[in-house]
């Protein structure tokens, strides 16, 4: 049976998770819960290796689970051995996007500083 409080381990956007989870079947919710239970620490560690920031790593994992939830029909058709690699690709892409946005912010900040 699905246990929503386990998803509370993710930072921020809890109400968004609740709204999205409300649209899933019990089987899909169970799969999301199982993926979270099996992979959240590993996904966090991967994102932290890329980002070197706890808050950014948590954000990458949160975004990853939003994508997992939105793709759960596709994920449910994957063989069990393919689910973790699929999730790892998502978290690496999310971490890379955060890193890219961070670099853009730094670049824009440098441009603003140069004007003064």
N, C-alpha and C. Protein backbone atom coordinates (compact mmCIF):
# COMPACT_ATOMS: atom_id res chain seq x y z
N UNK A 1 0.83 -1.18 0.00
CA UNK A 1 0.00 0.00 0.00
C UNK A 1 0.88 1.25 0.00
N UNK A 2 0.46 2.28 -0.66
CA UNK A 2 1.19 3.52 -0.81
C UNK A 2 1.21 4.32 0.48
N UNK A 3 2.39 4.85 0.82
CA UNK A 3 2.54 5.66 2.03
C UNK A 3 3.08 7.03 1.64
N UNK A 4 2.23 8.02 1.55
CA UNK A 4 2.60 9.37 1.15
C UNK A 4 3.69 9.99 2.00
N UNK A 5 3.72 9.82 3.33
CA UNK A 5 4.74 10.50 4.12
C UNK A 5 6.18 10.20 3.70
N UNK A 6 6.43 9.07 3.09
CA UNK A 6 7.80 8.77 2.66
C UNK A 6 8.27 9.78 1.62
N UNK A 7 7.36 10.32 0.82
CA UNK A 7 7.75 11.31 -0.17
C UNK A 7 8.06 12.66 0.48
N UNK A 8 7.73 12.84 1.73
CA UNK A 8 8.03 14.08 2.43
C UNK A 8 9.53 14.25 2.62
N UNK A 9 10.31 13.20 2.39
CA UNK A 9 11.76 13.31 2.50
C UNK A 9 12.33 14.25 1.46
N UNK A 10 11.60 14.46 0.38
CA UNK A 10 12.04 15.39 -0.65
C UNK A 10 11.81 16.81 -0.17
N UNK A 11 12.69 17.70 -0.54
CA UNK A 11 12.54 19.08 -0.11
C UNK A 11 11.64 19.85 -1.06
N UNK A 12 10.88 20.78 -0.49
CA UNK A 12 10.09 21.70 -1.28
C UNK A 12 9.03 21.04 -2.13
N UNK A 13 8.04 21.81 -2.52
CA UNK A 13 7.04 21.36 -3.47
C UNK A 13 6.19 20.19 -3.01
N UNK A 14 6.06 19.99 -1.68
CA UNK A 14 5.29 18.85 -1.19
C UNK A 14 3.87 18.86 -1.72
N UNK A 15 3.24 20.03 -1.76
CA UNK A 15 1.86 20.08 -2.23
C UNK A 15 1.77 19.71 -3.70
N UNK A 16 2.77 20.04 -4.49
CA UNK A 16 2.79 19.64 -5.89
C UNK A 16 2.85 18.13 -6.02
N UNK A 17 3.67 17.47 -5.19
CA UNK A 17 3.74 16.02 -5.21
C UNK A 17 2.38 15.41 -4.85
N UNK A 18 1.72 15.99 -3.87
CA UNK A 18 0.42 15.47 -3.44
C UNK A 18 -0.59 15.59 -4.58
N UNK A 19 -0.60 16.72 -5.26
CA UNK A 19 -1.53 16.92 -6.37
C UNK A 19 -1.25 15.94 -7.49
N UNK A 20 0.00 15.80 -7.88
CA UNK A 20 0.36 14.89 -8.97
C UNK A 20 0.08 13.45 -8.58
N UNK A 21 0.42 13.07 -7.36
CA UNK A 21 0.19 11.70 -6.91
C UNK A 21 -1.29 11.36 -6.89
N UNK A 22 -2.13 12.36 -6.69
CA UNK A 22 -3.56 12.12 -6.67
C UNK A 22 -4.11 11.63 -8.00
N UNK A 23 -3.36 11.86 -9.07
CA UNK A 23 -3.81 11.45 -10.40
C UNK A 23 -3.36 10.04 -10.76
N UNK A 24 -2.54 9.41 -9.93
CA UNK A 24 -1.99 8.09 -10.23
C UNK A 24 -2.88 6.99 -9.65
N UNK A 25 -2.81 5.82 -10.30
CA UNK A 25 -3.49 4.65 -9.75
C UNK A 25 -2.71 4.15 -8.53
N UNK A 26 -3.34 3.29 -7.74
CA UNK A 26 -2.64 2.73 -6.57
C UNK A 26 -1.39 1.98 -6.99
N UNK A 27 -1.46 1.26 -8.09
CA UNK A 27 -0.29 0.51 -8.58
C UNK A 27 0.84 1.46 -8.95
N UNK A 28 0.50 2.56 -9.62
CA UNK A 28 1.52 3.55 -10.00
C UNK A 28 2.10 4.23 -8.76
N UNK A 29 1.26 4.53 -7.78
CA UNK A 29 1.74 5.13 -6.54
C UNK A 29 2.69 4.18 -5.82
N UNK A 30 2.34 2.90 -5.81
CA UNK A 30 3.22 1.90 -5.18
C UNK A 30 4.57 1.86 -5.89
N UNK A 31 4.56 1.94 -7.22
CA UNK A 31 5.81 1.91 -7.98
C UNK A 31 6.64 3.15 -7.68
N UNK A 32 6.02 4.32 -7.64
CA UNK A 32 6.76 5.56 -7.30
C UNK A 32 7.37 5.42 -5.91
N UNK A 33 6.57 4.93 -4.97
CA UNK A 33 7.06 4.76 -3.60
C UNK A 33 8.24 3.79 -3.56
N UNK A 34 8.15 2.71 -4.31
CA UNK A 34 9.23 1.72 -4.34
C UNK A 34 10.50 2.30 -4.97
N UNK A 35 10.33 3.03 -6.06
CA UNK A 35 11.48 3.68 -6.70
C UNK A 35 12.13 4.65 -5.73
N UNK A 36 11.31 5.44 -5.05
CA UNK A 36 11.84 6.39 -4.08
C UNK A 36 12.62 5.67 -2.99
N UNK A 37 12.00 4.64 -2.44
CA UNK A 37 12.63 3.88 -1.35
C UNK A 37 13.96 3.27 -1.80
N UNK A 38 13.99 2.74 -3.01
CA UNK A 38 15.18 2.05 -3.51
C UNK A 38 16.27 2.98 -4.01
N UNK A 39 15.91 4.21 -4.42
CA UNK A 39 16.90 4.99 -5.16
C UNK A 39 17.16 6.40 -4.65
N UNK A 40 16.36 6.91 -3.72
CA UNK A 40 16.52 8.33 -3.39
C UNK A 40 17.92 8.67 -2.87
N UNK A 41 18.53 7.83 -2.08
CA UNK A 41 19.87 8.11 -1.56
C UNK A 41 20.90 8.05 -2.68
N UNK A 42 20.80 7.05 -3.53
CA UNK A 42 21.73 6.93 -4.65
C UNK A 42 21.59 8.12 -5.59
N UNK A 43 20.36 8.51 -5.89
CA UNK A 43 20.14 9.65 -6.78
C UNK A 43 20.67 10.94 -6.16
N UNK A 44 20.47 11.09 -4.86
CA UNK A 44 21.00 12.27 -4.17
C UNK A 44 22.53 12.29 -4.27
N UNK A 45 23.17 11.16 -4.01
CA UNK A 45 24.64 11.09 -4.06
C UNK A 45 25.16 11.42 -5.45
N UNK A 46 24.50 10.92 -6.48
CA UNK A 46 24.92 11.23 -7.85
C UNK A 46 24.79 12.72 -8.12
N UNK A 47 23.66 13.29 -7.74
CA UNK A 47 23.47 14.72 -7.99
C UNK A 47 24.43 15.57 -7.16
N UNK A 48 24.73 15.14 -5.93
CA UNK A 48 25.67 15.89 -5.11
C UNK A 48 27.08 15.85 -5.71
N UNK A 49 27.47 14.72 -6.29
CA UNK A 49 28.79 14.63 -6.93
C UNK A 49 28.91 15.64 -8.06
N UNK A 50 27.82 15.89 -8.75
CA UNK A 50 27.83 16.83 -9.87
C UNK A 50 27.76 18.27 -9.38
N UNK A 51 26.90 18.52 -8.40
CA UNK A 51 26.58 19.89 -8.00
C UNK A 51 27.38 20.42 -6.82
N UNK A 52 27.83 19.55 -5.93
CA UNK A 52 28.57 19.95 -4.73
C UNK A 52 27.80 20.93 -3.85
N UNK A 53 26.50 20.79 -3.84
CA UNK A 53 25.63 21.64 -3.02
C UNK A 53 24.47 20.78 -2.55
N UNK A 54 24.24 20.77 -1.24
CA UNK A 54 23.16 19.94 -0.71
C UNK A 54 21.80 20.41 -1.22
N UNK A 55 21.57 21.71 -1.19
CA UNK A 55 20.26 22.20 -1.63
C UNK A 55 20.03 21.96 -3.12
N UNK A 56 21.07 22.15 -3.93
CA UNK A 56 20.92 21.88 -5.36
C UNK A 56 20.74 20.39 -5.63
N UNK A 57 21.43 19.55 -4.87
CA UNK A 57 21.27 18.10 -5.04
C UNK A 57 19.85 17.67 -4.67
N UNK A 58 19.32 18.25 -3.60
CA UNK A 58 17.94 17.95 -3.22
C UNK A 58 16.97 18.41 -4.29
N UNK A 59 17.23 19.57 -4.86
CA UNK A 59 16.38 20.09 -5.94
C UNK A 59 16.42 19.16 -7.15
N UNK A 60 17.60 18.66 -7.50
CA UNK A 60 17.73 17.74 -8.63
C UNK A 60 16.92 16.47 -8.38
N UNK A 61 16.98 15.95 -7.16
CA UNK A 61 16.22 14.74 -6.83
C UNK A 61 14.72 15.04 -6.86
N UNK A 62 14.32 16.18 -6.36
CA UNK A 62 12.90 16.55 -6.41
C UNK A 62 12.41 16.64 -7.85
N UNK A 63 13.18 17.30 -8.69
CA UNK A 63 12.80 17.42 -10.10
C UNK A 63 12.79 16.05 -10.78
N UNK A 64 13.73 15.21 -10.38
CA UNK A 64 13.77 13.84 -10.93
C UNK A 64 12.50 13.09 -10.60
N UNK A 65 12.04 13.20 -9.36
CA UNK A 65 10.83 12.47 -8.98
C UNK A 65 9.58 13.07 -9.62
N UNK A 66 9.58 14.35 -9.89
CA UNK A 66 8.47 14.91 -10.65
C UNK A 66 8.44 14.30 -12.05
N UNK A 67 9.61 14.15 -12.65
CA UNK A 67 9.67 13.54 -13.98
C UNK A 67 9.33 12.05 -13.93
N UNK A 68 9.78 11.37 -12.89
CA UNK A 68 9.43 9.96 -12.73
C UNK A 68 7.92 9.81 -12.62
N UNK A 69 7.31 10.65 -11.80
CA UNK A 69 5.86 10.58 -11.61
C UNK A 69 5.14 10.86 -12.93
N UNK A 70 5.60 11.86 -13.67
CA UNK A 70 4.92 12.20 -14.92
C UNK A 70 5.16 11.15 -16.01
N UNK A 71 6.19 10.32 -15.85
CA UNK A 71 6.50 9.27 -16.83
C UNK A 71 6.22 7.88 -16.29
N UNK A 72 5.44 7.77 -15.23
CA UNK A 72 5.30 6.49 -14.54
C UNK A 72 4.67 5.41 -15.43
N UNK A 73 3.81 5.78 -16.36
CA UNK A 73 3.24 4.77 -17.26
C UNK A 73 4.35 4.12 -18.08
N UNK A 74 5.23 4.93 -18.63
CA UNK A 74 6.36 4.42 -19.41
C UNK A 74 7.29 3.60 -18.51
N UNK A 75 7.60 4.11 -17.34
CA UNK A 75 8.51 3.42 -16.42
C UNK A 75 7.92 2.08 -15.99
N UNK A 76 6.62 2.03 -15.79
CA UNK A 76 5.99 0.78 -15.35
C UNK A 76 6.11 -0.33 -16.39
N UNK A 77 6.36 0.04 -17.63
CA UNK A 77 6.52 -0.97 -18.70
C UNK A 77 7.97 -1.42 -18.85
N UNK A 78 8.90 -0.74 -18.16
CA UNK A 78 10.31 -1.13 -18.24
C UNK A 78 10.57 -2.38 -17.43
N UNK A 79 11.50 -3.22 -17.88
CA UNK A 79 11.92 -4.33 -17.01
C UNK A 79 12.54 -3.76 -15.74
N UNK A 80 12.41 -4.46 -14.64
CA UNK A 80 12.91 -3.99 -13.35
C UNK A 80 14.36 -3.54 -13.38
N UNK A 81 15.18 -4.24 -14.15
CA UNK A 81 16.61 -3.92 -14.20
C UNK A 81 16.90 -2.62 -14.95
N UNK A 82 15.92 -2.09 -15.67
CA UNK A 82 16.11 -0.86 -16.44
C UNK A 82 15.62 0.39 -15.72
N UNK A 83 14.88 0.22 -14.62
CA UNK A 83 14.30 1.37 -13.93
C UNK A 83 15.36 2.26 -13.30
N UNK A 84 16.30 1.68 -12.57
CA UNK A 84 17.34 2.48 -11.92
C UNK A 84 18.19 3.23 -12.94
N UNK A 85 18.68 2.58 -14.00
CA UNK A 85 19.44 3.34 -14.99
C UNK A 85 18.64 4.49 -15.61
N UNK A 86 17.36 4.27 -15.82
CA UNK A 86 16.48 5.31 -16.35
C UNK A 86 16.45 6.50 -15.39
N UNK A 87 16.30 6.22 -14.11
CA UNK A 87 16.26 7.27 -13.08
C UNK A 87 17.59 7.99 -12.96
N UNK A 88 18.68 7.26 -13.11
CA UNK A 88 20.02 7.86 -13.04
C UNK A 88 20.22 8.85 -14.19
N UNK A 89 19.75 8.49 -15.37
CA UNK A 89 19.86 9.41 -16.51
C UNK A 89 19.08 10.69 -16.22
N UNK A 90 17.88 10.54 -15.67
CA UNK A 90 17.07 11.72 -15.35
C UNK A 90 17.79 12.60 -14.33
N UNK A 91 18.30 12.02 -13.25
CA UNK A 91 18.93 12.85 -12.22
C UNK A 91 20.21 13.51 -12.74
N UNK A 92 20.97 12.83 -13.57
CA UNK A 92 22.16 13.45 -14.16
C UNK A 92 21.77 14.62 -15.04
N UNK A 93 20.71 14.46 -15.83
CA UNK A 93 20.25 15.56 -16.68
C UNK A 93 19.75 16.73 -15.84
N UNK A 94 19.01 16.44 -14.78
CA UNK A 94 18.51 17.50 -13.91
C UNK A 94 19.67 18.23 -13.23
N UNK A 95 20.66 17.49 -12.74
CA UNK A 95 21.82 18.10 -12.10
C UNK A 95 22.59 18.96 -13.09
N UNK A 96 22.72 18.47 -14.30
CA UNK A 96 23.42 19.24 -15.33
C UNK A 96 22.66 20.52 -15.66
N UNK A 97 21.33 20.44 -15.71
CA UNK A 97 20.53 21.64 -15.96
C UNK A 97 20.70 22.66 -14.84
N UNK A 98 20.71 22.20 -13.60
CA UNK A 98 20.91 23.10 -12.47
C UNK A 98 22.29 23.73 -12.54
N UNK A 99 23.29 22.93 -12.86
CA UNK A 99 24.66 23.44 -12.98
C UNK A 99 24.74 24.47 -14.11
N UNK A 100 24.11 24.18 -15.21
CA UNK A 100 24.10 25.10 -16.36
C UNK A 100 23.43 26.42 -15.97
N UNK A 101 22.30 26.33 -15.26
CA UNK A 101 21.61 27.54 -14.83
C UNK A 101 22.43 28.32 -13.81
N UNK A 102 23.14 27.61 -12.95
CA UNK A 102 24.01 28.28 -11.98
C UNK A 102 25.11 29.04 -12.71
N UNK A 103 25.68 28.43 -13.73
CA UNK A 103 26.76 29.09 -14.49
C UNK A 103 26.22 30.32 -15.23
N UNK A 104 24.99 30.22 -15.75
CA UNK A 104 24.39 31.38 -16.41
C UNK A 104 24.18 32.50 -15.41
N UNK A 105 23.76 32.16 -14.21
CA UNK A 105 23.55 33.17 -13.17
C UNK A 105 24.85 33.86 -12.81
N UNK A 106 25.92 33.10 -12.70
CA UNK A 106 27.23 33.67 -12.39
C UNK A 106 27.67 34.58 -13.53
N UNK A 107 27.49 34.13 -14.76
CA UNK A 107 27.88 34.94 -15.91
C UNK A 107 27.10 36.24 -15.96
N UNK A 108 25.80 36.17 -15.72
CA UNK A 108 24.97 37.37 -15.72
C UNK A 108 25.40 38.30 -14.58
N UNK A 109 25.74 37.73 -13.43
CA UNK A 109 26.21 38.53 -12.31
C UNK A 109 27.51 39.25 -12.64
N UNK A 110 28.38 38.57 -13.33
CA UNK A 110 29.64 39.19 -13.73
C UNK A 110 29.40 40.33 -14.71
N UNK A 111 28.45 40.15 -15.63
CA UNK A 111 28.11 41.22 -16.57
C UNK A 111 27.57 42.44 -15.83
N UNK A 112 26.71 42.20 -14.86
CA UNK A 112 26.15 43.30 -14.07
C UNK A 112 27.27 44.01 -13.29
N UNK A 113 28.20 43.24 -12.71
CA UNK A 113 29.30 43.84 -11.96
C UNK A 113 30.21 44.66 -12.87
N UNK A 114 30.40 44.20 -14.11
CA UNK A 114 31.26 44.92 -15.05
C UNK A 114 30.67 46.27 -15.44
N UNK A 115 29.33 46.38 -15.39
CA UNK A 115 28.70 47.65 -15.76
C UNK A 115 29.02 48.73 -14.75
N UNK A 116 29.25 48.36 -13.50
CA UNK A 116 29.50 49.33 -12.43
C UNK A 116 30.97 49.60 -12.39
